C-alpha atoms as a PDB file:
ATOM      1  CA  MET A   1      -2.588  18.375  18.395  1.00  0.00           C
ATOM      2  CA  THR A   2      -2.200  19.570  15.120  1.00  0.00           C
ATOM      3  CA  GLY A   3      -4.127  22.405  13.469  1.00  0.00           C
ATOM      4  CA  PRO A   4      -6.602  23.219  10.931  1.00  0.00           C
ATOM      5  CA  GLY A   5      -4.137  23.610   8.079  1.00  0.00           C
ATOM      6  CA  THR A   6      -2.301  20.093   8.812  1.00  0.00           C
ATOM      7  CA  PRO A   7      -1.724  18.230   5.538  1.00  0.00           C
ATOM      8  CA  ILE A   8      -4.125  15.457   5.221  1.00  0.00           C
ATOM      9  CA  ALA A   9      -3.016  11.693   4.113  1.00  0.00           C
ATOM     10  CA  VAL A  10      -5.305   8.948   2.788  1.00  0.00           C
ATOM     11  CA  ILE A  11      -4.253   5.420   3.207  1.00  0.00           C
ATOM     12  CA  THR A  12      -5.782   2.543   1.914  1.00  0.00           C
ATOM     13  CA  GLY A  13      -5.744  -1.099   3.541  1.00  0.00           C
ATOM     14  CA  ALA A  14      -5.037   0.840   6.839  1.00  0.00           C
ATOM     15  CA  SER A  15      -6.612  -1.809   9.100  1.00  0.00           C
ATOM     16  CA  SER A  16      -3.638  -3.830   9.584  1.00  0.00           C
ATOM     17  CA  GLY A  17       0.041  -4.755   8.372  1.00  0.00           C
ATOM     18  CA  ILE A  18       1.651  -2.039   6.131  1.00  0.00           C
ATOM     19  CA  GLY A  19      -1.356   0.526   6.280  1.00  0.00           C
ATOM     20  CA  ALA A  20      -1.537   0.251   9.707  1.00  0.00           C
ATOM     21  CA  ALA A  21       1.628   1.346  10.396  1.00  0.00           C
ATOM     22  CA  THR A  22       2.292   3.894   7.581  1.00  0.00           C
ATOM     23  CA  ALA A  23      -1.083   5.335   9.395  1.00  0.00           C
ATOM     24  CA  ARG A  24       0.846   5.801  12.710  1.00  0.00           C
ATOM     25  CA  GLN A  25       4.157   7.129  11.337  1.00  0.00           C
ATOM     26  CA  LEU A  26       2.359   9.502   8.677  1.00  0.00           C
ATOM     27  CA  ALA A  27       0.526  10.884  11.562  1.00  0.00           C
ATOM     28  CA  ALA A  28       3.651  11.309  13.739  1.00  0.00           C
ATOM     29  CA  ALA A  29       5.252  13.024  11.061  1.00  0.00           C
ATOM     30  CA  GLY A  30       2.405  15.699  11.304  1.00  0.00           C
ATOM     31  CA  TYR A  31      -0.298  14.633   8.884  1.00  0.00           C
ATOM     32  CA  ARG A  32      -3.887  14.540   9.284  1.00  0.00           C
ATOM     33  CA  VAL A  33      -4.586  10.550   8.462  1.00  0.00           C
ATOM     34  CA  VAL A  34      -7.520   9.225   7.149  1.00  0.00           C
ATOM     35  CA  LEU A  35      -7.809   5.517   7.375  1.00  0.00           C
ATOM     36  CA  THR A  36      -9.733   3.496   5.308  1.00  0.00           C
ATOM     37  CA  ALA A  37     -10.534  -0.218   5.074  1.00  0.00           C
ATOM     38  CA  ARG A  38     -13.490  -2.584   4.854  1.00  0.00           C
ATOM     39  CA  ARG A  39     -13.076  -3.862   8.426  1.00  0.00           C
ATOM     40  CA  LYS A  40     -14.626  -0.676  10.192  1.00  0.00           C
ATOM     41  CA  ASP A  41     -13.756  -1.980  13.688  1.00  0.00           C
ATOM     42  CA  ARG A  42     -10.242  -2.174  12.954  1.00  0.00           C
ATOM     43  CA  ILE A  43      -9.497   1.224  11.631  1.00  0.00           C
ATOM     44  CA  GLU A  44     -11.706   3.105  14.246  1.00  0.00           C
ATOM     45  CA  ALA A  45      -9.556   1.388  16.941  1.00  0.00           C
ATOM     46  CA  LEU A  46      -6.399   2.696  15.438  1.00  0.00           C
ATOM     47  CA  ALA A  47      -7.914   6.211  14.639  1.00  0.00           C
ATOM     48  CA  ALA A  48      -8.489   5.832  18.347  1.00  0.00           C
ATOM     49  CA  GLU A  49      -5.108   4.912  19.059  1.00  0.00           C
ATOM     50  CA  ILE A  50      -3.667   7.494  17.131  1.00  0.00           C
ATOM     51  CA  THR A  51      -5.943  10.516  18.545  1.00  0.00           C
ATOM     52  CA  GLU A  52      -4.893   9.069  21.974  1.00  0.00           C
ATOM     53  CA  ALA A  53      -1.046   9.547  21.371  1.00  0.00           C
ATOM     54  CA  GLY A  54      -1.878  13.618  20.325  1.00  0.00           C
ATOM     55  CA  HIS A  55      -2.185  13.168  16.772  1.00  0.00           C
ATOM     56  CA  GLN A  56      -5.046  13.497  14.346  1.00  0.00           C
ATOM     57  CA  ALA A  57      -6.966  10.473  12.712  1.00  0.00           C
ATOM     58  CA  THR A  58     -10.549   9.770  11.070  1.00  0.00           C
ATOM     59  CA  ALA A  59     -11.463   6.185  10.351  1.00  0.00           C
ATOM     60  CA  TYR A  60     -13.605   5.736   6.926  1.00  0.00           C
ATOM     61  CA  ALA A  61     -14.998   2.140   6.075  1.00  0.00           C
ATOM     62  CA  LEU A  62     -14.304   1.778   2.453  1.00  0.00           C
ATOM     63  CA  ASP A  63     -13.752  -0.889  -0.552  1.00  0.00           C
ATOM     64  CA  VAL A  64     -11.706   0.450  -2.825  1.00  0.00           C
ATOM     65  CA  THR A  65     -13.277  -2.052  -5.704  1.00  0.00           C
ATOM     66  CA  ASP A  66     -16.660  -0.120  -5.353  1.00  0.00           C
ATOM     67  CA  ARG A  67     -16.479   2.409  -7.432  1.00  0.00           C
ATOM     68  CA  ALA A  68     -19.543   4.532  -6.517  1.00  0.00           C
ATOM     69  CA  ALA A  69     -18.400   4.402  -2.794  1.00  0.00           C
ATOM     70  CA  VAL A  70     -15.111   5.591  -3.898  1.00  0.00           C
ATOM     71  CA  ASP A  71     -16.201   8.429  -5.471  1.00  0.00           C
ATOM     72  CA  ASP A  72     -18.403   9.367  -2.734  1.00  0.00           C
ATOM     73  CA  PHE A  73     -15.652   9.133  -0.441  1.00  0.00           C
ATOM     74  CA  ALA A  74     -13.640  11.871  -2.353  1.00  0.00           C
ATOM     75  CA  THR A  75     -16.332  14.493  -2.266  1.00  0.00           C
ATOM     76  CA  ALA A  76     -15.111  15.187   1.390  1.00  0.00           C
ATOM     77  CA  PHE A  77     -11.832  16.395   0.189  1.00  0.00           C
ATOM     78  CA  ARG A  78     -11.131  19.988  -1.827  1.00  0.00           C
ATOM     79  CA  SER A  79      -7.358  19.509  -1.156  1.00  0.00           C
ATOM     80  CA  LEU A  80      -5.255  16.539  -0.155  1.00  0.00           C
ATOM     81  CA  ALA A  81      -1.529  16.054   0.309  1.00  0.00           C
ATOM     82  CA  VAL A  82      -0.543  12.515   0.432  1.00  0.00           C
ATOM     83  CA  LEU A  83      -2.616   9.311  -1.076  1.00  0.00           C
ATOM     84  CA  VAL A  84      -1.015   5.961  -0.044  1.00  0.00           C
ATOM     85  CA  ASN A  85      -2.548   3.193  -2.459  1.00  0.00           C
ATOM     86  CA  ASN A  86      -1.811   0.269  -0.037  1.00  0.00           C
ATOM     87  CA  ALA A  87      -4.869  -1.962  -0.302  1.00  0.00           C
ATOM     88  CA  GLY A  88      -3.708  -5.126  -2.229  1.00  0.00           C
ATOM     89  CA  GLY A  89      -2.525  -8.646  -1.446  1.00  0.00           C
ATOM     90  CA  ALA A  90      -1.922 -12.014  -2.740  1.00  0.00           C
ATOM     91  CA  LEU A  91      -4.363 -15.076  -3.222  1.00  0.00           C
ATOM     92  CA  GLY A  92      -3.065 -18.475  -3.788  1.00  0.00           C
ATOM     93  CA  ALA A  93       0.441 -19.931  -5.099  1.00  0.00           C
ATOM     94  CA  ASP A  94      -0.628 -22.087  -7.860  1.00  0.00           C
ATOM     95  CA  PRO A  95       1.032 -22.673 -10.764  1.00  0.00           C
ATOM     96  CA  VAL A  96      -0.527 -20.980 -14.128  1.00  0.00           C
ATOM     97  CA  ALA A  97      -2.076 -24.436 -15.327  1.00  0.00           C
ATOM     98  CA  THR A  98      -4.422 -24.834 -12.317  1.00  0.00           C
ATOM     99  CA  GLY A  99      -4.385 -21.444 -10.693  1.00  0.00           C
ATOM    100  CA  ASP A 100      -7.998 -20.267 -10.144  1.00  0.00           C
ATOM    101  CA  PRO A 101      -9.122 -17.736 -12.573  1.00  0.00           C
ATOM    102  CA  GLU A 102     -11.324 -16.283  -9.550  1.00  0.00           C
ATOM    103  CA  ASP A 103      -8.104 -16.040  -7.451  1.00  0.00           C
ATOM    104  CA  TRP A 104      -6.401 -13.586 -10.267  1.00  0.00           C
ATOM    105  CA  ARG A 105      -9.635 -11.444 -10.840  1.00  0.00           C
ATOM    106  CA  ARG A 106     -10.232 -10.527  -7.111  1.00  0.00           C
ATOM    107  CA  MET A 107      -6.421  -9.878  -7.015  1.00  0.00           C
ATOM    108  CA  TYR A 108      -6.414  -7.695 -10.304  1.00  0.00           C
ATOM    109  CA  GLU A 109      -9.727  -5.907  -8.946  1.00  0.00           C
ATOM    110  CA  VAL A 110      -7.892  -5.004  -5.416  1.00  0.00           C
ATOM    111  CA  ASN A 111      -4.419  -4.450  -6.638  1.00  0.00           C
ATOM    112  CA  VAL A 112      -4.731  -2.433  -9.931  1.00  0.00           C
ATOM    113  CA  LEU A 113      -8.648  -1.422 -10.162  1.00  0.00           C
ATOM    114  CA  GLY A 114      -8.879  -0.536  -6.589  1.00  0.00           C
ATOM    115  CA  THR A 115      -5.547   1.723  -6.660  1.00  0.00           C
ATOM    116  CA  LEU A 116      -6.900   3.197 -10.519  1.00  0.00           C
ATOM    117  CA  ASN A 117     -10.136   3.910  -8.547  1.00  0.00           C
ATOM    118  CA  VAL A 118      -8.893   5.901  -5.489  1.00  0.00           C
ATOM    119  CA  THR A 119      -6.411   7.691  -7.386  1.00  0.00           C
ATOM    120  CA  GLN A 120      -8.862   8.636 -10.073  1.00  0.00           C
ATOM    121  CA  ALA A 121     -11.310   9.894  -7.332  1.00  0.00           C
ATOM    122  CA  LEU A 122      -8.745  11.815  -5.460  1.00  0.00           C
ATOM    123  CA  LEU A 123      -6.360  13.303  -7.860  1.00  0.00           C
ATOM    124  CA  PRO A 124      -8.106  16.687  -8.523  1.00  0.00           C
ATOM    125  CA  ALA A 125      -7.628  16.961  -4.642  1.00  0.00           C
ATOM    126  CA  LEU A 126      -3.868  16.011  -4.668  1.00  0.00           C
ATOM    127  CA  THR A 127      -3.766  18.475  -7.538  1.00  0.00           C
ATOM    128  CA  ALA A 128      -5.427  21.526  -5.755  1.00  0.00           C
ATOM    129  CA  SER A 129      -3.291  20.918  -2.862  1.00  0.00           C
ATOM    130  CA  GLY A 130      -0.222  22.364  -5.046  1.00  0.00           C
ATOM    131  CA  ASP A 131       1.880  19.655  -3.422  1.00  0.00           C
ATOM    132  CA  GLY A 132       0.548  16.271  -3.975  1.00  0.00           C
ATOM    133  CA  THR A 133       2.064  12.633  -3.172  1.00  0.00           C
ATOM    134  CA  VAL A 134       0.536   9.763  -5.228  1.00  0.00           C
ATOM    135  CA  VAL A 135       2.021   6.269  -3.373  1.00  0.00           C
ATOM    136  CA  VAL A 136       1.617   2.983  -5.012  1.00  0.00           C
ATOM    137  CA  LEU A 137       2.551   0.148  -2.994  1.00  0.00           C
ATOM    138  CA  SER A 138       3.729  -2.451  -5.733  1.00  0.00           C
ATOM    139  CA  SER A 139       6.044  -5.309  -4.773  1.00  0.00           C
ATOM    140  CA  THR A 140       9.073  -6.736  -6.188  1.00  0.00           C
ATOM    141  CA  ALA A 141       6.740  -9.101  -7.841  1.00  0.00           C
ATOM    142  CA  GLY A 142       6.155  -6.479 -10.011  1.00  0.00           C
ATOM    143  CA  HIS A 143       9.627  -6.564 -11.014  1.00  0.00           C
ATOM    144  CA  ALA A 144      10.461 -10.101 -11.454  1.00  0.00           C
ATOM    145  CA  THR A 145       8.580 -13.197 -11.810  1.00  0.00           C
ATOM    146  CA  TYR A 146       8.646 -16.669  -9.506  1.00  0.00           C
ATOM    147  CA  GLU A 147       6.975 -19.687  -9.992  1.00  0.00           C
ATOM    148  CA  GLY A 148       3.394 -19.856  -8.542  1.00  0.00           C
ATOM    149  CA  GLY A 149       3.231 -16.145  -8.428  1.00  0.00           C
ATOM    150  CA  ALA A 150       2.083 -15.586 -12.020  1.00  0.00           C
ATOM    151  CA  GLY A 151      -1.387 -14.071 -10.631  1.00  0.00           C
ATOM    152  CA  TYR A 152       0.316 -12.057  -8.248  1.00  0.00           C
ATOM    153  CA  VAL A 153       2.942 -11.093 -10.145  1.00  0.00           C
ATOM    154  CA  ALA A 154       0.433 -10.028 -12.964  1.00  0.00           C
ATOM    155  CA  ALA A 155      -1.512  -7.862 -10.701  1.00  0.00           C
ATOM    156  CA  LYS A 156       1.443  -5.840  -9.291  1.00  0.00           C
ATOM    157  CA  ASN A 157       3.119  -5.263 -12.480  1.00  0.00           C
ATOM    158  CA  GLY A 158      -0.342  -3.893 -13.663  1.00  0.00           C
ATOM    159  CA  ALA A 159       0.033  -1.822 -10.181  1.00  0.00           C
ATOM    160  CA  ARG A 160       3.917  -0.929 -11.447  1.00  0.00           C
ATOM    161  CA  VAL A 161       2.844   0.151 -14.581  1.00  0.00           C
ATOM    162  CA  LEU A 162      -0.113   2.098 -13.440  1.00  0.00           C
ATOM    163  CA  ALA A 163       2.478   4.117 -11.469  1.00  0.00           C
ATOM    164  CA  GLU A 164       5.095   4.802 -13.936  1.00  0.00           C
ATOM    165  CA  THR A 165       2.320   5.747 -16.677  1.00  0.00           C
ATOM    166  CA  LEU A 166       0.724   8.198 -14.328  1.00  0.00           C
ATOM    167  CA  ARG A 167       4.067   9.800 -13.559  1.00  0.00           C
ATOM    168  CA  LEU A 168       4.471  10.666 -17.473  1.00  0.00           C
ATOM    169  CA  GLU A 169       1.110  11.643 -17.843  1.00  0.00           C
ATOM    170  CA  ILE A 170       1.168  14.455 -15.171  1.00  0.00           C
ATOM    171  CA  VAL A 171       4.264  15.789 -15.397  1.00  0.00           C
ATOM    172  CA  GLY A 172       4.429  19.407 -14.741  1.00  0.00           C
ATOM    173  CA  THR A 173       1.640  19.318 -12.419  1.00  0.00           C
ATOM    174  CA  PRO A 174       2.093  19.318  -8.484  1.00  0.00           C
ATOM    175  CA  VAL A 175       1.943  15.751  -7.955  1.00  0.00           C
ATOM    176  CA  ARG A 176       4.570  13.318  -7.598  1.00  0.00           C
ATOM    177  CA  VAL A 177       4.096   9.834  -8.139  1.00  0.00           C
ATOM    178  CA  ILE A 178       6.046   7.506  -5.710  1.00  0.00           C
ATOM    179  CA  GLU A 179       6.295   3.618  -6.254  1.00  0.00           C
ATOM    180  CA  ILE A 180       7.334   1.641  -3.331  1.00  0.00           C
ATOM    181  CA  ALA A 181       8.257  -2.060  -3.808  1.00  0.00           C
ATOM    182  CA  PRO A 182       8.817  -4.339  -0.986  1.00  0.00           C
ATOM    183  CA  GLY A 183      10.330  -7.680  -0.968  1.00  0.00           C
ATOM    184  CA  MET A 184       9.635  -9.865   1.642  1.00  0.00           C
ATOM    185  CA  VAL A 185       7.598  -8.512   4.537  1.00  0.00           C
ATOM    186  CA  LYS A 186       6.284 -10.576   7.483  1.00  0.00           C
ATOM    187  CA  THR A 187       2.892  -9.316   8.727  1.00  0.00           C
ATOM    188  CA  ASP A 188       0.202 -10.893  10.681  1.00  0.00           C
ATOM    189  CA  GLU A 189      -1.892 -11.814   7.843  1.00  0.00           C
ATOM    190  CA  PHE A 190      -0.512 -11.329   3.974  1.00  0.00           C
ATOM    191  CA  ALA A 191       0.999 -15.155   3.963  1.00  0.00           C
ATOM    192  CA  THR A 192      -2.023 -16.483   5.963  1.00  0.00           C
ATOM    193  CA  THR A 193      -4.463 -14.759   3.722  1.00  0.00           C
ATOM    194  CA  ARG A 194      -2.604 -16.131   0.860  1.00  0.00           C
ATOM    195  CA  PHE A 195      -3.026 -19.476   1.945  1.00  0.00           C
ATOM    196  CA  ARG A 196      -6.673 -19.203   3.102  1.00  0.00           C
ATOM    197  CA  GLY A 197      -5.674 -19.636   7.002  1.00  0.00           C
ATOM    198  CA  ASP A 198      -2.916 -22.267   6.345  1.00  0.00           C
ATOM    199  CA  THR A 199      -0.809 -21.111   8.991  1.00  0.00           C
ATOM    200  CA  ASP A 200       2.027 -23.917   7.973  1.00  0.00           C
ATOM    201  CA  LYS A 201       1.964 -22.733   4.748  1.00  0.00           C
ATOM    202  CA  ALA A 202       2.526 -19.106   5.727  1.00  0.00           C
ATOM    203  CA  ALA A 203       5.260 -20.198   8.308  1.00  0.00           C
ATOM    204  CA  LYS A 204       7.378 -21.600   5.260  1.00  0.00           C
ATOM    205  CA  VAL A 205       7.479 -18.671   3.125  1.00  0.00           C
ATOM    206  CA  TYR A 206       9.540 -17.105   6.388  1.00  0.00           C
ATOM    207  CA  ALA A 207      11.178 -20.468   7.407  1.00  0.00           C
ATOM    208  CA  GLY A 208      14.851 -19.893   8.593  1.00  0.00           C
ATOM    209  CA  VAL A 209      14.720 -15.966   7.390  1.00  0.00           C
ATOM    210  CA  ALA A 210      16.424 -14.530  10.321  1.00  0.00           C
ATOM    211  CA  GLU A 211      14.987 -11.163   9.836  1.00  0.00           C
ATOM    212  CA  PRO A 212      12.515 -10.532   6.957  1.00  0.00           C
ATOM    213  CA  LEU A 213      11.389  -6.907   6.759  1.00  0.00           C
ATOM    214  CA  THR A 214       8.508  -5.884   9.187  1.00  0.00           C
ATOM    215  CA  ALA A 215       5.396  -3.579   8.320  1.00  0.00           C
ATOM    216  CA  ASP A 216       7.398  -0.591  10.162  1.00  0.00           C
ATOM    217  CA  ASP A 217      10.333  -0.936   8.042  1.00  0.00           C
ATOM    218  CA  VAL A 218       8.293  -0.615   4.788  1.00  0.00           C
ATOM    219  CA  ALA A 219       6.248   2.264   6.766  1.00  0.00           C
ATOM    220  CA  ASP A 220       9.371   3.975   7.463  1.00  0.00           C
ATOM    221  CA  THR A 221      10.593   4.089   3.786  1.00  0.00           C
ATOM    222  CA  ILE A 222       7.010   5.514   2.780  1.00  0.00           C
ATOM    223  CA  THR A 223       7.048   8.286   5.322  1.00  0.00           C
ATOM    224  CA  TRP A 224      10.656   9.126   4.470  1.00  0.00           C
ATOM    225  CA  ALA A 225       9.736   9.231   0.563  1.00  0.00           C
ATOM    226  CA  CYS A 226       6.471  11.378   1.199  1.00  0.00           C
ATOM    227  CA  THR A 227       8.334  13.850   3.383  1.00  0.00           C
ATOM    228  CA  ARG A 228      11.206  14.858   1.197  1.00  0.00           C
ATOM    229  CA  PRO A 229      11.380  18.320  -0.471  1.00  0.00           C
ATOM    230  CA  PRO A 230       8.361  18.611  -2.880  1.00  0.00           C
ATOM    231  CA  HIS A 231      10.966  19.033  -5.776  1.00  0.00           C
ATOM    232  CA  VAL A 232      12.416  15.558  -5.298  1.00  0.00           C
ATOM    233  CA  ASN A 233      10.492  12.445  -6.709  1.00  0.00           C
ATOM    234  CA  ILE A 234      11.253   8.985  -5.680  1.00  0.00           C
ATOM    235  CA  ASP A 235      10.140   7.463  -8.599  1.00  0.00           C
ATOM    236  CA  LEU A 236      11.038   3.641  -7.343  1.00  0.00           C
ATOM    237  CA  LEU A 237      11.900   2.385  -3.879  1.00  0.00           C
ATOM    238  CA  VAL A 238      12.798  -1.252  -3.799  1.00  0.00           C
ATOM    239  CA  VAL A 239      13.287  -2.631  -0.307  1.00  0.00           C
ATOM    240  CA  ARG A 240      14.229  -6.129   1.032  1.00  0.00           C
ATOM    241  CA  PRO A 241      15.965  -7.691   3.950  1.00  0.00           C
ATOM    242  CA  ARG A 242      19.258  -8.291   3.729  1.00  0.00           C
ATOM    243  CA  ALA A 243      18.762 -12.200   3.386  1.00  0.00           C
ATOM    244  CA  GLN A 244      16.897 -11.524   0.431  1.00  0.00           C
ATOM    245  CA  ALA A 245      18.781 -11.072  -2.641  1.00  0.00           C
ATOM    246  CA  SER A 246      15.947 -11.526  -5.401  1.00  0.00           C
ATOM    247  CA  ASN A 247      12.292 -13.022  -5.479  1.00  0.00           C
ATOM    248  CA  SER A 248      14.012 -16.634  -5.978  1.00  0.00           C
ATOM    249  CA  LYS A 249      17.524 -16.086  -3.906  1.00  0.00           C
ATOM    250  CA  ILE A 250      16.901 -15.960  -0.119  1.00  0.00           C
ATOM    251  CA  HIS A 251      19.346 -17.176   2.654  1.00  0.00           C
ATOM    252  CA  ARG A 252      17.392 -19.309   4.979  1.00  0.00           C
ATOM    253  CA  GLU A 253      19.245 -20.621   8.261  1.00  0.00           C
ATOM    254  CA  LEU A 254      17.821 -24.107   8.427  1.00  0.00           C
END
């Protein structure tokens, strides 16, 4: 069991996938993890699992797009070691000509404004720690376009630029800003959510790819970056499966 001086890590979108895997790995690395997501039952179950494993975890139901709720959440922290901005996601894969503006709006609200809300609210506590880390989970989509992905690409570009600009603006303070940009990651929900429950379309994303990344693979990179010595900043870490050379160049064994 960790003690009262244990550094605290907040993980948004911790109810599944990369967020849940990151919570498990940061807890095992010695952090007291605070799990946030809209699905209270999921994060409470995960917090119980982590606690039973001998670590410290707390669940807090939170919608990162609700600024008043985020501000209220932030009042609980005088000092914070790590913030992992993982909440996000994709909706739809339509071309620009026929894309649904509501999908674009929702992706921007969660991926960009949600990250902005939580980062702004918790930055004072991160600074007060004397050794804070902000992690922004972007995507390779934030670094290169692809057909049918403009809305998601635009949102992840926003997250990428937020991280880059924040790093410039707070240089000289005891807070580092890390961007992790995963490529193809196969989780239980990402593609299925994108295609609104159409499991056939979701399966085609990974068809023939022998070993796409897993949530644990990405969580491993996040944990590694967060546990570097304080003077070491991993500005950008792009991680893809070996079968993926770019967003549009993927080796498939079909």
